[in-house]
Every structure is written in C-alpha cells, then in structure tokens.
N, C-alpha and C. Protein backbone atom coordinates (compact mmCIF):
# COMPACT_ATOMS: atom_id res chain seq x y z
N MET A 1 0.85 -1.18 0.00
CA MET A 1 0.00 0.00 0.00
C MET A 1 0.89 1.24 0.00
N THR A 2 0.80 2.02 -1.05
CA THR A 2 1.62 3.23 -1.12
C THR A 2 0.94 4.36 -0.36
N MET A 3 1.77 5.26 0.11
CA MET A 3 1.25 6.38 0.88
C MET A 3 2.18 7.57 0.71
N ARG A 4 1.60 8.74 0.47
CA ARG A 4 2.41 9.94 0.37
C ARG A 4 2.13 10.81 1.58
N ASN A 5 3.19 11.35 2.15
CA ASN A 5 3.09 12.28 3.27
C ASN A 5 4.21 13.28 3.07
N THR A 6 3.94 14.25 2.21
CA THR A 6 5.00 15.16 1.79
C THR A 6 5.29 16.20 2.84
N GLY A 7 6.52 16.66 2.80
CA GLY A 7 6.95 17.79 3.61
C GLY A 7 7.01 19.00 2.69
N LEU A 8 8.19 19.27 2.19
CA LEU A 8 8.43 20.43 1.34
C LEU A 8 8.22 20.07 -0.13
N VAL A 9 7.39 20.86 -0.83
CA VAL A 9 7.17 20.71 -2.26
C VAL A 9 7.51 22.04 -2.92
N LYS A 10 8.29 21.99 -4.01
CA LYS A 10 8.71 23.20 -4.71
C LYS A 10 8.40 23.06 -6.19
N ALA A 11 7.98 24.17 -6.80
CA ALA A 11 7.71 24.19 -8.23
C ALA A 11 9.00 24.49 -9.00
N PHE A 12 9.24 23.71 -10.04
CA PHE A 12 10.36 23.89 -10.96
C PHE A 12 9.81 23.88 -12.39
N ILE A 13 10.68 24.16 -13.35
CA ILE A 13 10.35 23.97 -14.76
C ILE A 13 11.04 22.68 -15.20
N ALA A 14 10.32 21.85 -15.94
CA ALA A 14 10.86 20.58 -16.42
C ALA A 14 11.77 20.82 -17.63
N ALA A 15 13.05 20.54 -17.48
CA ALA A 15 14.01 20.68 -18.58
C ALA A 15 13.91 19.51 -19.55
N THR A 16 13.34 18.41 -19.08
CA THR A 16 13.08 17.23 -19.90
C THR A 16 11.67 16.76 -19.54
N ALA A 17 11.12 15.88 -20.34
CA ALA A 17 9.86 15.25 -19.96
C ALA A 17 10.11 14.44 -18.69
N ILE A 18 9.17 14.49 -17.75
CA ILE A 18 9.31 13.78 -16.48
C ILE A 18 8.06 12.93 -16.26
N ALA A 19 8.27 11.63 -16.17
CA ALA A 19 7.15 10.72 -15.95
C ALA A 19 6.67 10.80 -14.50
N ARG A 20 5.39 10.59 -14.32
CA ARG A 20 4.78 10.52 -12.99
C ARG A 20 5.53 9.49 -12.14
N TYR A 21 5.71 9.76 -10.86
CA TYR A 21 6.39 8.89 -9.90
C TYR A 21 7.89 8.73 -10.18
N SER A 22 8.51 9.71 -10.85
CA SER A 22 9.92 9.62 -11.19
C SER A 22 10.78 10.50 -10.29
N VAL A 23 12.03 10.10 -10.15
CA VAL A 23 13.02 10.88 -9.41
C VAL A 23 13.62 11.91 -10.36
N VAL A 24 13.88 13.11 -9.82
CA VAL A 24 14.45 14.18 -10.64
C VAL A 24 15.79 14.64 -10.07
N LYS A 25 16.54 15.31 -10.96
CA LYS A 25 17.83 15.90 -10.59
C LYS A 25 17.80 17.38 -10.94
N LEU A 26 18.73 18.14 -10.38
CA LEU A 26 18.85 19.54 -10.74
C LEU A 26 19.31 19.65 -12.18
N ASP A 27 18.81 20.65 -12.89
CA ASP A 27 19.26 20.95 -14.25
C ASP A 27 20.18 22.16 -14.17
N SER A 28 20.89 22.45 -15.23
CA SER A 28 21.84 23.56 -15.22
C SER A 28 21.16 24.93 -15.18
N ALA A 29 19.94 25.03 -15.69
CA ALA A 29 19.22 26.31 -15.66
C ALA A 29 18.62 26.54 -14.27
N ASP A 30 18.52 27.80 -13.88
CA ASP A 30 17.92 28.14 -12.59
C ASP A 30 16.48 27.64 -12.53
N ASP A 31 16.07 27.15 -11.36
CA ASP A 31 14.70 26.69 -11.10
C ASP A 31 14.21 25.66 -12.10
N SER A 32 15.09 24.75 -12.52
CA SER A 32 14.65 23.69 -13.41
C SER A 32 15.21 22.35 -12.96
N VAL A 33 14.47 21.30 -13.28
CA VAL A 33 14.86 19.93 -12.98
C VAL A 33 14.72 19.08 -14.23
N ALA A 34 15.38 17.94 -14.22
CA ALA A 34 15.30 16.99 -15.32
C ALA A 34 15.12 15.59 -14.75
N LEU A 35 14.69 14.68 -15.58
CA LEU A 35 14.56 13.29 -15.17
C LEU A 35 15.94 12.77 -14.77
N ALA A 36 16.04 12.16 -13.61
CA ALA A 36 17.30 11.56 -13.15
C ALA A 36 17.50 10.24 -13.90
N THR A 37 18.70 10.07 -14.47
CA THR A 37 18.96 8.88 -15.29
C THR A 37 20.27 8.18 -14.97
N ALA A 38 20.95 8.62 -13.92
CA ALA A 38 22.23 7.99 -13.56
C ALA A 38 22.38 7.93 -12.05
N LYS A 39 23.01 6.88 -11.57
CA LYS A 39 23.22 6.68 -10.13
C LYS A 39 24.12 7.75 -9.53
N THR A 40 24.81 8.52 -10.38
CA THR A 40 25.70 9.58 -9.92
C THR A 40 25.07 10.96 -10.00
N ASP A 41 23.82 11.06 -10.53
CA ASP A 41 23.13 12.35 -10.61
C ASP A 41 22.92 12.93 -9.22
N ARG A 42 22.87 14.26 -9.13
CA ARG A 42 22.54 14.92 -7.85
C ARG A 42 21.03 14.88 -7.72
N LEU A 43 20.52 13.88 -7.03
CA LEU A 43 19.08 13.65 -6.90
C LEU A 43 18.49 14.65 -5.92
N VAL A 44 17.33 15.23 -6.29
CA VAL A 44 16.74 16.24 -5.41
C VAL A 44 15.35 15.89 -4.90
N GLY A 45 14.65 15.00 -5.56
CA GLY A 45 13.31 14.67 -5.10
C GLY A 45 12.53 13.87 -6.12
N VAL A 46 11.20 13.87 -5.94
CA VAL A 46 10.29 13.07 -6.75
C VAL A 46 9.21 13.96 -7.34
N CYS A 47 8.91 13.74 -8.62
CA CYS A 47 7.84 14.50 -9.27
C CYS A 47 6.51 14.20 -8.58
N ALA A 48 5.83 15.26 -8.15
CA ALA A 48 4.58 15.12 -7.40
C ALA A 48 3.34 15.28 -8.27
N ASP A 49 3.52 15.57 -9.55
CA ASP A 49 2.37 15.80 -10.42
C ASP A 49 1.58 14.51 -10.64
N PRO A 50 0.25 14.62 -10.78
CA PRO A 50 -0.57 13.42 -10.98
C PRO A 50 -0.47 12.84 -12.39
N LYS A 51 0.17 13.57 -13.31
CA LYS A 51 0.36 13.11 -14.69
C LYS A 51 1.82 13.34 -15.08
N ASP A 52 2.22 12.75 -16.22
CA ASP A 52 3.55 13.04 -16.75
C ASP A 52 3.65 14.52 -17.06
N VAL A 53 4.84 15.09 -16.90
CA VAL A 53 5.06 16.52 -17.14
C VAL A 53 5.88 16.68 -18.42
N PRO A 54 5.35 17.40 -19.41
CA PRO A 54 6.12 17.63 -20.64
C PRO A 54 7.25 18.64 -20.42
N GLU A 55 8.26 18.57 -21.25
CA GLU A 55 9.37 19.52 -21.19
C GLU A 55 8.84 20.95 -21.28
N GLY A 56 9.39 21.82 -20.45
CA GLY A 56 9.02 23.24 -20.47
C GLY A 56 7.85 23.60 -19.57
N LYS A 57 7.19 22.63 -19.00
CA LYS A 57 6.04 22.88 -18.13
C LYS A 57 6.45 22.84 -16.66
N ARG A 58 5.57 23.33 -15.82
CA ARG A 58 5.79 23.34 -14.37
C ARG A 58 5.76 21.92 -13.83
N ALA A 59 6.72 21.62 -12.95
CA ALA A 59 6.78 20.32 -12.28
C ALA A 59 6.91 20.56 -10.79
N ASP A 60 5.94 20.09 -10.02
CA ASP A 60 6.04 20.16 -8.57
C ASP A 60 6.88 18.98 -8.09
N VAL A 61 7.86 19.27 -7.24
CA VAL A 61 8.80 18.24 -6.79
C VAL A 61 8.75 18.13 -5.27
N ILE A 62 8.57 16.90 -4.79
CA ILE A 62 8.61 16.62 -3.36
C ILE A 62 10.07 16.57 -2.94
N LEU A 63 10.47 17.46 -2.04
CA LEU A 63 11.85 17.55 -1.59
C LEU A 63 12.09 16.87 -0.25
N SER A 64 11.03 16.64 0.52
CA SER A 64 11.17 15.98 1.82
C SER A 64 9.88 15.25 2.16
N GLY A 65 10.00 14.30 3.06
CA GLY A 65 8.83 13.54 3.49
C GLY A 65 8.79 12.17 2.85
N ILE A 66 7.58 11.64 2.68
CA ILE A 66 7.36 10.33 2.06
C ILE A 66 6.74 10.57 0.70
N ALA A 67 7.32 9.93 -0.33
CA ALA A 67 6.85 10.11 -1.70
C ALA A 67 6.61 8.77 -2.36
N GLU A 68 5.69 8.77 -3.31
CA GLU A 68 5.42 7.58 -4.10
C GLU A 68 6.33 7.60 -5.33
N VAL A 69 6.96 6.45 -5.61
CA VAL A 69 7.86 6.32 -6.75
C VAL A 69 7.62 5.00 -7.47
N ARG A 70 8.05 4.96 -8.74
CA ARG A 70 7.94 3.72 -9.51
C ARG A 70 9.25 2.95 -9.38
N ALA A 71 9.15 1.66 -9.13
CA ALA A 71 10.31 0.80 -8.97
C ALA A 71 10.83 0.31 -10.32
N GLY A 72 12.16 0.25 -10.44
CA GLY A 72 12.79 -0.28 -11.64
C GLY A 72 13.28 -1.71 -11.46
N ALA A 73 13.05 -2.27 -10.27
CA ALA A 73 13.48 -3.64 -9.94
C ALA A 73 12.79 -4.03 -8.63
N THR A 74 12.99 -5.26 -8.21
CA THR A 74 12.50 -5.62 -6.88
C THR A 74 13.36 -4.90 -5.84
N ILE A 75 12.73 -4.48 -4.75
CA ILE A 75 13.42 -3.72 -3.71
C ILE A 75 12.93 -4.23 -2.36
N ALA A 76 13.85 -4.45 -1.45
CA ALA A 76 13.48 -4.88 -0.10
C ALA A 76 13.06 -3.68 0.73
N LYS A 77 12.10 -3.90 1.59
CA LYS A 77 11.69 -2.87 2.54
C LYS A 77 12.91 -2.45 3.36
N GLY A 78 13.12 -1.14 3.50
CA GLY A 78 14.24 -0.62 4.27
C GLY A 78 15.50 -0.37 3.46
N ALA A 79 15.53 -0.80 2.20
CA ALA A 79 16.73 -0.63 1.37
C ALA A 79 16.91 0.83 0.95
N ASP A 80 18.16 1.29 0.93
CA ASP A 80 18.46 2.59 0.34
C ASP A 80 18.22 2.48 -1.16
N VAL A 81 17.70 3.57 -1.76
CA VAL A 81 17.39 3.53 -3.19
C VAL A 81 18.05 4.68 -3.95
N THR A 82 18.38 4.38 -5.19
CA THR A 82 18.90 5.34 -6.15
C THR A 82 18.04 5.22 -7.41
N VAL A 83 18.55 5.63 -8.57
CA VAL A 83 17.74 5.59 -9.79
C VAL A 83 18.35 4.71 -10.87
N ASP A 84 17.48 4.25 -11.77
CA ASP A 84 17.94 3.58 -12.99
C ASP A 84 17.94 4.61 -14.12
N THR A 85 18.09 4.18 -15.34
CA THR A 85 18.18 5.11 -16.48
C THR A 85 16.84 5.73 -16.87
N GLN A 86 15.77 5.33 -16.20
CA GLN A 86 14.44 5.86 -16.50
C GLN A 86 13.83 6.63 -15.33
N GLY A 87 14.65 6.97 -14.33
CA GLY A 87 14.15 7.74 -13.19
C GLY A 87 13.36 6.93 -12.18
N ARG A 88 13.40 5.60 -12.32
CA ARG A 88 12.73 4.71 -11.37
C ARG A 88 13.70 4.35 -10.26
N VAL A 89 13.21 3.95 -9.10
CA VAL A 89 14.10 3.60 -8.00
C VAL A 89 14.55 2.15 -8.07
N ILE A 90 15.80 1.95 -7.66
CA ILE A 90 16.40 0.62 -7.55
C ILE A 90 17.25 0.62 -6.28
N THR A 91 17.64 -0.55 -5.82
CA THR A 91 18.47 -0.65 -4.63
C THR A 91 19.83 0.00 -4.90
N ALA A 92 20.28 0.81 -3.96
CA ALA A 92 21.54 1.54 -4.12
C ALA A 92 22.72 0.72 -3.62
N ALA A 93 23.85 0.90 -4.30
CA ALA A 93 25.14 0.38 -3.82
C ALA A 93 25.78 1.47 -2.96
N SER A 94 26.82 1.13 -2.26
CA SER A 94 27.44 2.09 -1.32
C SER A 94 28.00 3.33 -2.00
N THR A 95 28.31 3.27 -3.29
CA THR A 95 28.89 4.41 -4.00
C THR A 95 27.85 5.24 -4.76
N ASP A 96 26.60 4.82 -4.75
CA ASP A 96 25.55 5.51 -5.50
C ASP A 96 24.99 6.71 -4.74
N GLU A 97 24.49 7.69 -5.48
CA GLU A 97 23.73 8.78 -4.88
C GLU A 97 22.41 8.18 -4.39
N VAL A 98 22.02 8.47 -3.17
CA VAL A 98 20.81 7.90 -2.57
C VAL A 98 19.74 8.96 -2.49
N VAL A 99 18.52 8.62 -2.92
CA VAL A 99 17.40 9.55 -2.82
C VAL A 99 16.57 9.31 -1.57
N GLY A 100 16.63 8.08 -1.04
CA GLY A 100 15.85 7.75 0.15
C GLY A 100 15.93 6.27 0.46
N TRP A 101 14.98 5.80 1.29
CA TRP A 101 14.91 4.38 1.60
C TRP A 101 13.47 3.91 1.51
N ALA A 102 13.30 2.66 1.10
CA ALA A 102 11.98 2.09 0.85
C ALA A 102 11.23 1.82 2.14
N THR A 103 10.04 2.37 2.27
CA THR A 103 9.21 2.10 3.44
C THR A 103 8.35 0.86 3.24
N GLU A 104 8.42 0.32 2.01
CA GLU A 104 7.73 -0.93 1.69
C GLU A 104 8.49 -1.60 0.55
N ALA A 105 8.25 -2.88 0.34
CA ALA A 105 8.94 -3.64 -0.70
C ALA A 105 8.30 -3.42 -2.06
N ALA A 106 9.13 -3.51 -3.10
CA ALA A 106 8.65 -3.57 -4.48
C ALA A 106 8.84 -5.01 -4.94
N ASN A 107 7.77 -5.64 -5.39
CA ASN A 107 7.84 -7.04 -5.78
C ASN A 107 8.11 -7.24 -7.26
N ALA A 108 7.97 -6.16 -8.06
CA ALA A 108 8.17 -6.26 -9.50
C ALA A 108 8.50 -4.89 -10.09
N VAL A 109 9.12 -4.91 -11.25
CA VAL A 109 9.37 -3.67 -11.99
C VAL A 109 8.03 -3.00 -12.25
N GLY A 110 7.96 -1.70 -12.02
CA GLY A 110 6.74 -0.95 -12.27
C GLY A 110 5.86 -0.75 -11.05
N ASP A 111 6.14 -1.49 -9.97
CA ASP A 111 5.37 -1.27 -8.73
C ASP A 111 5.55 0.17 -8.27
N VAL A 112 4.50 0.76 -7.72
CA VAL A 112 4.60 2.08 -7.11
C VAL A 112 4.68 1.85 -5.61
N ILE A 113 5.78 2.35 -5.02
CA ILE A 113 6.02 2.17 -3.59
C ILE A 113 6.28 3.52 -2.94
N SER A 114 6.28 3.54 -1.64
CA SER A 114 6.61 4.75 -0.89
C SER A 114 8.07 4.69 -0.44
N ILE A 115 8.73 5.85 -0.49
CA ILE A 115 10.08 5.97 0.05
C ILE A 115 10.13 7.17 0.98
N LYS A 116 11.01 7.10 1.96
CA LYS A 116 11.31 8.22 2.83
C LYS A 116 12.48 8.94 2.20
N LEU A 117 12.25 10.17 1.75
CA LEU A 117 13.30 10.94 1.10
C LEU A 117 14.38 11.32 2.11
N THR A 118 15.63 11.20 1.70
CA THR A 118 16.76 11.56 2.55
C THR A 118 17.68 12.57 1.88
N VAL A 119 17.28 13.09 0.75
CA VAL A 119 18.11 14.07 0.02
C VAL A 119 18.06 15.41 0.66
C-alpha cells in the first residue's frame, strides 16, 4: 500500500519530460529539474504531479517527506534507493547517490512504492 506524506514541495520547470512517480535531478538552468537517469546524478526529489510533465512545463517536486515512486526492480523494505536510467528507484550500492529508503517492498518492476526521502 503506497502512501504519500510530503513535507516540502517546490515548483520547478521541467528541462526534460518527467514521468509521474519519477526521481528528478537539478538541471543547469535556474529553477529547473530533469529526469534523473544515472546513479551519480545529484538527486533532489520526486515528481509530485498526478500526470507526466512535458518539457518546459511546471513540475512540482517533493523535496522531503514520504513520496510515491515507480520501482525499476524488486526492492526490499528498508533498502536505500537510487535511480535507474528511467528515473525509477532501484536498490543503491554504497557508492551511488541515494534519494531515500523504501518504506515498503517492491515485488516487481513498475510497482509504485513509498520511500522516505533523505536528500
């Protein structure tokens, strides 16, 4: 059962298309974010919009609290998570940028789970 309990939410401009339930990174332009696609990206939060956000449009980003995200693999409850190449969460290795930890398990690719943001 996924659950969102957001803390801080900030509006940005989407520098790239951002899918619903995706992790985002800072973009080079002021007040803009892009879809996170690498474990080394500076992860800042999760897209809070109820639909996919097209490039150039406003994207509300959850910066703290509990957020719903799409899983890119199976994930154990309590595992630290980072991103895959599609902005979905996967289990993090010790050298990866971490966006948070799973408050519930993901049993399959595409599951929507809750994470506690730690960025």
